[in-house]
Amino acid sequence: MNHAPRVKQFIVDNFYVSDAAALGPETSLISGGYVDSTGMLEMVSFLEQTYSIQVAEEELVPENFETIARICAYLERKQQGAG
């Protein structure tokens, strides 16, 4: 399942994104200034509610949340039960 459009739309709707077209699947959300630490908590809440998953504290790492592509890969693993 392609989660990217929904995840991207959440970011565009809830954080300052001056040019949505510039926000690609591999754009760094953190170093790009799109999402800060508080924003990441909002992102986690959105993911948990939208996709009926539970994000563990130890999963809150850049490998899972740095880009839209990484978030989508994380969601796929969570939904397949691999965490």
Protein backbone atom coordinates (compact mmCIF):
# COMPACT_ATOMS: atom_id res chain seq x y z
CA MET A 1 0.00 0.00 0.00
CA ASN A 2 1.27 3.45 -0.85
CA HIS A 3 1.05 5.56 2.30
CA ALA A 4 3.13 8.43 0.89
CA PRO A 5 0.30 10.69 -0.36
CA ARG A 6 -1.54 10.58 2.96
CA VAL A 7 1.63 11.10 5.04
CA LYS A 8 2.76 13.96 2.81
CA GLN A 9 -0.67 15.61 3.00
CA PHE A 10 -0.56 15.44 6.79
CA ILE A 11 2.84 17.17 6.77
CA VAL A 12 1.70 19.85 4.32
CA ASP A 13 -1.51 20.48 6.28
CA ASN A 14 0.08 20.58 9.74
CA PHE A 15 3.58 22.02 9.33
CA TYR A 16 5.07 24.95 7.48
CA VAL A 17 5.70 23.76 3.94
CA SER A 18 6.11 26.70 1.57
CA ASP A 19 6.40 24.50 -1.54
CA ALA A 20 4.69 21.12 -1.31
CA ALA A 21 6.19 20.07 -4.65
CA ALA A 22 9.68 20.39 -3.14
CA LEU A 23 8.79 17.89 -0.39
CA GLY A 24 9.85 14.63 -1.99
CA PRO A 25 9.95 11.09 -0.60
CA GLU A 26 13.63 11.39 0.37
CA THR A 27 13.54 14.97 1.67
CA SER A 28 14.77 15.16 5.26
CA LEU A 29 11.88 16.27 7.42
CA ILE A 30 14.11 17.13 10.36
CA SER A 31 17.19 18.78 8.84
CA GLY A 32 14.95 20.29 6.14
CA GLY A 33 13.15 22.16 8.92
CA TYR A 34 9.71 20.73 8.19
CA VAL A 35 9.21 18.83 11.46
CA ASP A 36 10.75 19.57 14.86
CA SER A 37 10.66 17.37 17.96
CA THR A 38 7.16 18.53 18.93
CA GLY A 39 6.02 18.02 15.37
CA MET A 40 7.40 14.51 15.43
CA LEU A 41 5.12 13.75 18.39
CA GLU A 42 2.19 15.04 16.33
CA MET A 43 3.33 12.84 13.45
CA VAL A 44 3.47 9.78 15.71
CA SER A 45 -0.01 10.51 17.04
CA PHE A 46 -1.33 10.82 13.48
CA LEU A 47 0.30 7.54 12.44
CA GLU A 48 -0.98 5.69 15.49
CA GLN A 49 -4.54 6.92 15.02
CA THR A 50 -4.66 6.64 11.24
CA TYR A 51 -2.97 3.27 10.85
CA SER A 52 -3.95 1.62 14.16
CA ILE A 53 -0.35 1.02 15.19
CA GLN A 54 1.61 1.62 18.36
CA VAL A 55 4.97 3.38 18.00
CA ALA A 56 7.42 2.27 20.69
CA GLU A 57 9.82 4.82 22.14
CA GLU A 58 12.84 2.90 20.82
CA GLU A 59 11.37 3.11 17.31
CA LEU A 60 11.54 6.92 17.32
CA VAL A 61 14.79 7.06 15.37
CA PRO A 62 15.77 8.76 12.10
CA GLU A 63 15.90 5.38 10.38
CA ASN A 64 12.10 5.27 10.75
CA PHE A 65 11.05 8.92 10.63
CA GLU A 66 13.63 11.03 8.74
CA THR A 67 11.79 11.04 5.38
CA ILE A 68 8.39 10.25 3.97
CA ALA A 69 9.88 7.14 2.32
CA ARG A 70 11.25 5.91 5.66
CA ILE A 71 7.93 6.57 7.39
CA CYS A 72 6.14 4.56 4.71
CA ALA A 73 8.62 1.68 4.99
CA TYR A 74 8.16 1.75 8.77
CA LEU A 75 4.38 1.65 8.37
CA GLU A 76 4.65 -1.34 6.05
CA ARG A 77 6.78 -3.21 8.61
CA LYS A 78 4.41 -2.33 11.45
CA GLN A 79 1.36 -3.45 9.54
CA GLN A 80 3.06 -6.71 8.67
CA GLY A 81 3.85 -7.22 12.35
CA ALA A 82 7.62 -6.82 11.99
CA GLY A 83 7.86 -3.60 14.00
